[in-house]
């Protein structure tokens, strides 16, 4: 049973890695575009997404903010 679970985990992690590679190849033809996409992802991860283990966002846990940001607010910071 353990071998089957480990095998499925390897397949799943490989699929995720290939998907990330495929998406970055398709949408990040220029380094500048890749930097912007990564910045939006990290802002969403740290300020918008509530994590199950923390039950708050990482930014709230660190004391950088006192509320969950919407993705609209993050995108408006660009302009």
PDB file of N, CA and C in Angstrom:
ATOM      1  N   UNK A   1       0.828  -1.188   0.000  1.00  0.00           N
ATOM      2  CA  UNK A   1       0.000   0.000   0.000  1.00  0.00           C
ATOM      3  C   UNK A   1       0.876   1.256   0.000  1.00  0.00           C
ATOM      4  N   UNK A   2       1.936   1.250   0.813  1.00  0.00           N
ATOM      5  CA  UNK A   2       2.820   2.406   0.892  1.00  0.00           C
ATOM      6  C   UNK A   2       3.476   2.688  -0.455  1.00  0.00           C
ATOM      7  N   UNK A   3       3.874   1.627  -1.152  1.00  0.00           N
ATOM      8  CA  UNK A   3       4.527   1.801  -2.447  1.00  0.00           C
ATOM      9  C   UNK A   3       3.570   2.438  -3.445  1.00  0.00           C
ATOM     10  N   UNK A   4       2.306   2.025  -3.406  1.00  0.00           N
ATOM     11  CA  UNK A   4       1.314   2.597  -4.307  1.00  0.00           C
ATOM     12  C   UNK A   4       1.115   4.084  -4.024  1.00  0.00           C
ATOM     13  N   UNK A   5       1.014   4.452  -2.754  1.00  0.00           N
ATOM     14  CA  UNK A   5       0.833   5.856  -2.381  1.00  0.00           C
ATOM     15  C   UNK A   5       2.045   6.677  -2.796  1.00  0.00           C
ATOM     16  N   UNK A   6       3.239   6.140  -2.555  1.00  0.00           N
ATOM     17  CA  UNK A   6       4.457   6.856  -2.933  1.00  0.00           C
ATOM     18  C   UNK A   6       4.531   7.021  -4.447  1.00  0.00           C
ATOM     19  N   UNK A   7       4.139   5.989  -5.200  1.00  0.00           N
ATOM     20  CA  UNK A   7       4.154   6.052  -6.656  1.00  0.00           C
ATOM     21  C   UNK A   7       3.174   7.116  -7.154  1.00  0.00           C
ATOM     22  N   UNK A   8       1.975   7.171  -6.566  1.00  0.00           N
ATOM     23  CA  UNK A   8       0.993   8.171  -6.963  1.00  0.00           C
ATOM     24  C   UNK A   8       1.475   9.576  -6.644  1.00  0.00           C
ATOM     25  N   UNK A   9       2.177   9.740  -5.508  1.00  0.00           N
ATOM     26  CA  UNK A   9       2.707  11.046  -5.143  1.00  0.00           C
ATOM     27  C   UNK A   9       3.750  11.505  -6.159  1.00  0.00           C
ATOM     28  N   UNK A  10       4.596  10.578  -6.602  1.00  0.00           N
ATOM     29  CA  UNK A  10       5.627  10.923  -7.592  1.00  0.00           C
ATOM     30  C   UNK A  10       4.973  11.344  -8.899  1.00  0.00           C
ATOM     31  N   UNK A  11       3.936  10.626  -9.311  1.00  0.00           N
ATOM     32  CA  UNK A  11       3.238  10.977 -10.550  1.00  0.00           C
ATOM     33  C   UNK A  11       2.582  12.347 -10.416  1.00  0.00           C
ATOM     34  N   UNK A  12       1.924  12.584  -9.283  1.00  0.00           N
ATOM     35  CA  UNK A  12       1.236  13.856  -9.082  1.00  0.00           C
ATOM     36  C   UNK A  12       2.218  15.017  -9.040  1.00  0.00           C
ATOM     37  N   UNK A  13       3.326  14.853  -8.324  1.00  0.00           N
ATOM     38  CA  UNK A  13       4.297  15.946  -8.240  1.00  0.00           C
ATOM     39  C   UNK A  13       4.943  16.212  -9.596  1.00  0.00           C
ATOM     40  N   UNK A  14       5.174  15.157 -10.375  1.00  0.00           N
ATOM     41  CA  UNK A  14       5.727  15.344 -11.717  1.00  0.00           C
ATOM     42  C   UNK A  14       4.743  16.079 -12.613  1.00  0.00           C
ATOM     43  N   UNK A  15       3.472  15.715 -12.506  1.00  0.00           N
ATOM     44  CA  UNK A  15       2.454  16.373 -13.318  1.00  0.00           C
ATOM     45  C   UNK A  15       2.353  17.855 -12.969  1.00  0.00           C
ATOM     46  N   UNK A  16       2.405  18.180 -11.676  1.00  0.00           N
ATOM     47  CA  UNK A  16       2.351  19.582 -11.260  1.00  0.00           C
ATOM     48  C   UNK A  16       3.557  20.358 -11.765  1.00  0.00           C
ATOM     49  N   UNK A  17       4.718  19.740 -11.686  1.00  0.00           N
ATOM     50  CA  UNK A  17       5.935  20.400 -12.144  1.00  0.00           C
ATOM     51  C   UNK A  17       5.879  20.629 -13.653  1.00  0.00           C
ATOM     52  N   UNK A  18       5.401  19.625 -14.401  1.00  0.00           N
ATOM     53  CA  UNK A  18       5.291  19.777 -15.843  1.00  0.00           C
ATOM     54  C   UNK A  18       4.259  20.841 -16.201  1.00  0.00           C
ATOM     55  N   UNK A  19       3.159  20.881 -15.459  1.00  0.00           N
ATOM     56  CA  UNK A  19       2.132  21.882 -15.729  1.00  0.00           C
ATOM     57  C   UNK A  19       2.685  23.281 -15.481  1.00  0.00           C
ATOM     58  N   UNK A  20       3.426  23.467 -14.367  1.00  0.00           N
ATOM     59  CA  UNK A  20       4.014  24.776 -14.088  1.00  0.00           C
ATOM     60  C   UNK A  20       4.989  25.164 -15.194  1.00  0.00           C
ATOM     61  N   UNK A  21       5.790  24.204 -15.633  1.00  0.00           N
ATOM     62  CA  UNK A  21       6.744  24.477 -16.703  1.00  0.00           C
ATOM     63  C   UNK A  21       6.018  24.850 -17.980  1.00  0.00           C
ATOM     64  N   UNK A  22       4.959  24.106 -18.296  1.00  0.00           N
ATOM     65  CA  UNK A  22       4.200  24.387 -19.508  1.00  0.00           C
ATOM     66  C   UNK A  22       3.566  25.775 -19.449  1.00  0.00           C
ATOM     67  N   UNK A  23       2.997  26.126 -18.292  1.00  0.00           N
ATOM     68  CA  UNK A  23       2.368  27.437 -18.161  1.00  0.00           C
ATOM     69  C   UNK A  23       3.384  28.564 -18.233  1.00  0.00           C
ATOM     70  N   UNK A  24       4.535  28.369 -17.620  1.00  0.00           N
ATOM     71  CA  UNK A  24       5.530  29.434 -17.661  1.00  0.00           C
ATOM     72  C   UNK A  24       6.114  29.574 -19.054  1.00  0.00           C
ATOM     73  N   UNK A  25       6.247  28.483 -19.780  1.00  0.00           N
ATOM     74  CA  UNK A  25       6.746  28.585 -21.146  1.00  0.00           C
ATOM     75  C   UNK A  25       5.743  29.294 -22.043  1.00  0.00           C
ATOM     76  N   UNK A  26       4.465  29.069 -21.800  1.00  0.00           N
ATOM     77  CA  UNK A  26       3.446  29.650 -22.661  1.00  0.00           C
ATOM     78  C   UNK A  26       3.234  31.137 -22.384  1.00  0.00           C
ATOM     79  N   UNK A  27       3.322  31.540 -21.138  1.00  0.00           N
ATOM     80  CA  UNK A  27       2.949  32.902 -20.792  1.00  0.00           C
ATOM     81  C   UNK A  27       4.114  33.797 -20.404  1.00  0.00           C
ATOM     82  N   UNK A  28       5.305  33.272 -20.335  1.00  0.00           N
ATOM     83  CA  UNK A  28       6.439  34.089 -19.917  1.00  0.00           C
ATOM     84  C   UNK A  28       7.537  34.048 -20.970  1.00  0.00           C
ATOM     85  N   UNK A  29       7.226  34.556 -22.106  1.00  0.00           N
ATOM     86  CA  UNK A  29       8.221  34.576 -23.178  1.00  0.00           C
ATOM     87  C   UNK A  29       9.350  35.562 -22.870  1.00  0.00           C
ATOM     88  N   UNK A  30       9.032  36.582 -22.081  1.00  0.00           N
ATOM     89  CA  UNK A  30      10.034  37.574 -21.702  1.00  0.00           C
ATOM     90  C   UNK A  30      10.264  37.499 -20.207  1.00  0.00           C
ATOM     91  N   UNK A  31      11.465  37.765 -19.785  1.00  0.00           N
ATOM     92  CA  UNK A  31      11.807  37.725 -18.374  1.00  0.00           C
ATOM     93  C   UNK A  31      10.980  38.726 -17.572  1.00  0.00           C
ATOM     94  N   UNK A  32      10.741  39.885 -18.150  1.00  0.00           N
ATOM     95  CA  UNK A  32       9.949  40.915 -17.467  1.00  0.00           C
ATOM     96  C   UNK A  32       8.529  40.419 -17.170  1.00  0.00           C
ATOM     97  N   UNK A  33       7.904  39.732 -18.129  1.00  0.00           N
ATOM     98  CA  UNK A  33       6.563  39.187 -17.919  1.00  0.00           C
ATOM     99  C   UNK A  33       6.565  38.123 -16.825  1.00  0.00           C
ATOM    100  N   UNK A  34       7.604  37.304 -16.803  1.00  0.00           N
ATOM    101  CA  UNK A  34       7.709  36.270 -15.779  1.00  0.00           C
ATOM    102  C   UNK A  34       7.850  36.896 -14.392  1.00  0.00           C
ATOM    103  N   UNK A  35       8.602  37.964 -14.288  1.00  0.00           N
ATOM    104  CA  UNK A  35       8.755  38.654 -12.999  1.00  0.00           C
ATOM    105  C   UNK A  35       7.421  39.193 -12.506  1.00  0.00           C
ATOM    106  N   UNK A  36       6.633  39.763 -13.404  1.00  0.00           N
ATOM    107  CA  UNK A  36       5.326  40.307 -13.021  1.00  0.00           C
ATOM    108  C   UNK A  36       4.370  39.194 -12.599  1.00  0.00           C
ATOM    109  N   UNK A  37       4.360  38.092 -13.334  1.00  0.00           N
ATOM    110  CA  UNK A  37       3.481  36.968 -12.998  1.00  0.00           C
ATOM    111  C   UNK A  37       3.864  36.374 -11.647  1.00  0.00           C
ATOM    112  N   UNK A  38       5.154  36.234 -11.388  1.00  0.00           N
ATOM    113  CA  UNK A  38       5.602  35.703 -10.107  1.00  0.00           C
ATOM    114  C   UNK A  38       5.256  36.655  -8.962  1.00  0.00           C
ATOM    115  N   UNK A  39       5.360  37.959  -9.199  1.00  0.00           N
ATOM    116  CA  UNK A  39       5.028  38.939  -8.164  1.00  0.00           C
ATOM    117  C   UNK A  39       3.549  38.874  -7.812  1.00  0.00           C
ATOM    118  N   UNK A  40       2.681  38.752  -8.817  1.00  0.00           N
ATOM    119  CA  UNK A  40       1.244  38.646  -8.555  1.00  0.00           C
ATOM    120  C   UNK A  40       0.944  37.365  -7.783  1.00  0.00           C
ATOM    121  N   UNK A  41       1.582  36.265  -8.174  1.00  0.00           N
ATOM    122  CA  UNK A  41       1.373  34.992  -7.478  1.00  0.00           C
ATOM    123  C   UNK A  41       1.781  35.100  -6.010  1.00  0.00           C
ATOM    124  N   UNK A  42       2.942  35.653  -5.727  1.00  0.00           N
ATOM    125  CA  UNK A  42       3.412  35.745  -4.346  1.00  0.00           C
ATOM    126  C   UNK A  42       2.580  36.718  -3.519  1.00  0.00           C
ATOM    127  N   UNK A  43       2.117  37.795  -4.123  1.00  0.00           N
ATOM    128  CA  UNK A  43       1.221  38.709  -3.407  1.00  0.00           C
ATOM    129  C   UNK A  43      -0.081  38.003  -3.046  1.00  0.00           C
ATOM    130  N   UNK A  44      -0.636  37.247  -3.999  1.00  0.00           N
ATOM    131  CA  UNK A  44      -1.865  36.497  -3.724  1.00  0.00           C
ATOM    132  C   UNK A  44      -1.622  35.472  -2.622  1.00  0.00           C
ATOM    133  N   UNK A  45      -0.512  34.746  -2.707  1.00  0.00           N
ATOM    134  CA  UNK A  45      -0.200  33.704  -1.729  1.00  0.00           C
ATOM    135  C   UNK A  45      -0.045  34.287  -0.326  1.00  0.00           C
ATOM    136  N   UNK A  46       0.582  35.425  -0.194  1.00  0.00           N
ATOM    137  CA  UNK A  46       0.887  35.978   1.122  1.00  0.00           C
ATOM    138  C   UNK A  46      -0.167  36.933   1.676  1.00  0.00           C
ATOM    139  N   UNK A  47      -0.950  37.585   0.814  1.00  0.00           N
ATOM    140  CA  UNK A  47      -1.898  38.577   1.297  1.00  0.00           C
ATOM    141  C   UNK A  47      -3.368  38.215   1.086  1.00  0.00           C
ATOM    142  N   UNK A  48      -3.673  37.356   0.107  1.00  0.00           N
ATOM    143  CA  UNK A  48      -5.073  37.057  -0.227  1.00  0.00           C
ATOM    144  C   UNK A  48      -5.537  35.677   0.232  1.00  0.00           C
ATOM    145  N   UNK A  49      -4.658  34.728   0.268  1.00  0.00           N
ATOM    146  CA  UNK A  49      -5.034  33.335   0.514  1.00  0.00           C
ATOM    147  C   UNK A  49      -4.922  32.987   1.998  1.00  0.00           C
ATOM    148  N   UNK A  50      -6.030  32.522   2.577  1.00  0.00           N
ATOM    149  CA  UNK A  50      -6.017  32.079   3.974  1.00  0.00           C
ATOM    150  C   UNK A  50      -5.485  30.652   4.010  1.00  0.00           C
ATOM    151  N   UNK A  51      -4.450  30.428   4.793  1.00  0.00           N
ATOM    152  CA  UNK A  51      -3.814  29.124   4.868  1.00  0.00           C
ATOM    153  C   UNK A  51      -4.473  28.290   5.969  1.00  0.00           C
ATOM    154  N   UNK A  52      -4.661  27.013   5.688  1.00  0.00           N
ATOM    155  CA  UNK A  52      -5.371  26.125   6.604  1.00  0.00           C
ATOM    156  C   UNK A  52      -4.622  25.966   7.932  1.00  0.00           C
ATOM    157  N   UNK A  53      -3.321  25.864   7.891  1.00  0.00           N
ATOM    158  CA  UNK A  53      -2.560  25.658   9.128  1.00  0.00           C
ATOM    159  C   UNK A  53      -2.493  26.918   9.979  1.00  0.00           C
ATOM    160  N   UNK A  54      -2.421  28.072   9.339  1.00  0.00           N
ATOM    161  CA  UNK A  54      -2.329  29.334  10.077  1.00  0.00           C
ATOM    162  C   UNK A  54      -3.701  29.895  10.425  1.00  0.00           C
ATOM    163  N   UNK A  55      -4.688  29.605   9.576  1.00  0.00           N
ATOM    164  CA  UNK A  55      -6.050  30.141   9.650  1.00  0.00           C
ATOM    165  C   UNK A  55      -6.101  31.646   9.402  1.00  0.00           C
ATOM    166  N   UNK A  56      -5.014  32.189   8.920  1.00  0.00           N
ATOM    167  CA  UNK A  56      -4.917  33.584   8.478  1.00  0.00           C
ATOM    168  C   UNK A  56      -3.938  33.599   7.300  1.00  0.00           C
ATOM    169  N   UNK A  57      -3.745  34.759   6.703  1.00  0.00           N
ATOM    170  CA  UNK A  57      -2.738  34.865   5.647  1.00  0.00           C
ATOM    171  C   UNK A  57      -1.358  34.994   6.294  1.00  0.00           C
ATOM    172  N   UNK A  58      -0.292  34.617   5.588  1.00  0.00           N
ATOM    173  CA  UNK A  58       1.048  34.793   6.139  1.00  0.00           C
ATOM    174  C   UNK A  58       1.368  36.249   6.483  1.00  0.00           C
ATOM    175  N   UNK A  59       0.856  37.186   5.703  1.00  0.00           N
ATOM    176  CA  UNK A  59       1.097  38.604   5.986  1.00  0.00           C
ATOM    177  C   UNK A  59       0.437  39.022   7.295  1.00  0.00           C
ATOM    178  N   UNK A  60      -0.751  38.479   7.570  1.00  0.00           N
ATOM    179  CA  UNK A  60      -1.418  38.778   8.839  1.00  0.00           C
ATOM    180  C   UNK A  60      -0.664  38.151  10.005  1.00  0.00           C
ATOM    181  N   UNK A  61      -0.147  36.951   9.797  1.00  0.00           N
ATOM    182  CA  UNK A  61       0.613  36.270  10.843  1.00  0.00           C
ATOM    183  C   UNK A  61       1.877  37.048  11.205  1.00  0.00           C
ATOM    184  N   UNK A  62       2.510  37.663  10.212  1.00  0.00           N
ATOM    185  CA  UNK A  62       3.730  38.451  10.444  1.00  0.00           C
ATOM    186  C   UNK A  62       3.440  39.858  10.948  1.00  0.00           C
ATOM    187  N   UNK A  63       2.182  40.265  10.899  1.00  0.00           N
ATOM    188  CA  UNK A  63       1.824  41.591  11.362  1.00  0.00           C
ATOM    189  C   UNK A  63       1.950  42.679  10.310  1.00  0.00           C
ATOM    190  N   UNK A  64       2.054  42.286   9.038  1.00  0.00           N
ATOM    191  CA  UNK A  64       2.167  43.280   7.968  1.00  0.00           C
ATOM    192  C   UNK A  64       0.826  43.925   7.627  1.00  0.00           C
ATOM    193  N   UNK A  65      -0.267  43.218   7.886  1.00  0.00           N
ATOM    194  CA  UNK A  65      -1.598  43.730   7.604  1.00  0.00           C
ATOM    195  C   UNK A  65      -2.578  43.164   8.621  1.00  0.00           C
ATOM    196  N   UNK A  66      -3.738  43.779   8.726  1.00  0.00           N
ATOM    197  CA  UNK A  66      -4.721  43.308   9.704  1.00  0.00           C
ATOM    198  C   UNK A  66      -5.966  42.724   9.049  1.00  0.00           C
ATOM    199  N   UNK A  67      -5.975  42.600   7.703  1.00  0.00           N
ATOM    200  CA  UNK A  67      -7.132  42.053   7.005  1.00  0.00           C
ATOM    201  C   UNK A  67      -6.675  41.278   5.765  1.00  0.00           C
ATOM    202  N   UNK A  68      -7.593  40.467   5.238  1.00  0.00           N
ATOM    203  CA  UNK A  68      -7.320  39.716   4.015  1.00  0.00           C
ATOM    204  C   UNK A  68      -7.567  40.637   2.821  1.00  0.00           C
ATOM    205  N   UNK A  69      -6.614  40.691   1.930  1.00  0.00           N
ATOM    206  CA  UNK A  69      -6.739  41.538   0.751  1.00  0.00           C
ATOM    207  C   UNK A  69      -7.489  40.789  -0.335  1.00  0.00           C
ATOM    208  N   UNK A  70      -8.222  41.519  -1.159  1.00  0.00           N
ATOM    209  CA  UNK A  70      -8.850  40.910  -2.326  1.00  0.00           C
ATOM    210  C   UNK A  70      -7.860  40.958  -3.486  1.00  0.00           C
ATOM    211  N   UNK A  71      -8.076  40.097  -4.461  1.00  0.00           N
ATOM    212  CA  UNK A  71      -7.197  40.093  -5.623  1.00  0.00           C
ATOM    213  C   UNK A  71      -7.327  41.398  -6.399  1.00  0.00           C
ATOM    214  N   UNK A  72      -8.485  42.003  -6.343  1.00  0.00           N
ATOM    215  CA  UNK A  72      -8.701  43.291  -7.003  1.00  0.00           C
ATOM    216  C   UNK A  72      -7.780  44.368  -6.417  1.00  0.00           C
ATOM    217  N   UNK A  73      -7.622  44.375  -5.108  1.00  0.00           N
ATOM    218  CA  UNK A  73      -6.739  45.347  -4.455  1.00  0.00           C
ATOM    219  C   UNK A  73      -5.299  45.111  -4.882  1.00  0.00           C
ATOM    220  N   UNK A  74      -4.886  43.859  -4.929  1.00  0.00           N
ATOM    221  CA  UNK A  74      -3.507  43.536  -5.332  1.00  0.00           C
ATOM    222  C   UNK A  74      -3.263  44.004  -6.763  1.00  0.00           C
ATOM    223  N   UNK A  75      -4.209  43.729  -7.649  1.00  0.00           N
ATOM    224  CA  UNK A  75      -4.025  44.135  -9.049  1.00  0.00           C
ATOM    225  C   UNK A  75      -4.061  45.644  -9.217  1.00  0.00           C
ATOM    226  N   UNK A  76      -4.815  46.344  -8.381  1.00  0.00           N
ATOM    227  CA  UNK A  76      -4.858  47.805  -8.453  1.00  0.00           C
ATOM    228  C   UNK A  76      -3.549  48.442  -7.986  1.00  0.00           C
ATOM    229  N   UNK A  77      -2.745  47.725  -7.234  1.00  0.00           N
ATOM    230  CA  UNK A  77      -1.441  48.246  -6.811  1.00  0.00           C
ATOM    231  C   UNK A  77      -0.498  48.407  -8.005  1.00  0.00           C
ATOM    232  N   UNK A  78      -0.766  47.684  -9.072  1.00  0.00           N
ATOM    233  CA  UNK A  78       0.103  47.749 -10.250  1.00  0.00           C
ATOM    234  C   UNK A  78      -0.067  49.066 -10.991  1.00  0.00           C
ATOM    235  N   UNK A  79      -1.199  49.729 -10.834  1.00  0.00           N
ATOM    236  CA  UNK A  79      -1.481  50.944 -11.602  1.00  0.00           C
ATOM    237  C   UNK A  79      -1.588  52.144 -10.737  1.00  0.00           C
TER     238      UNK A  79
END
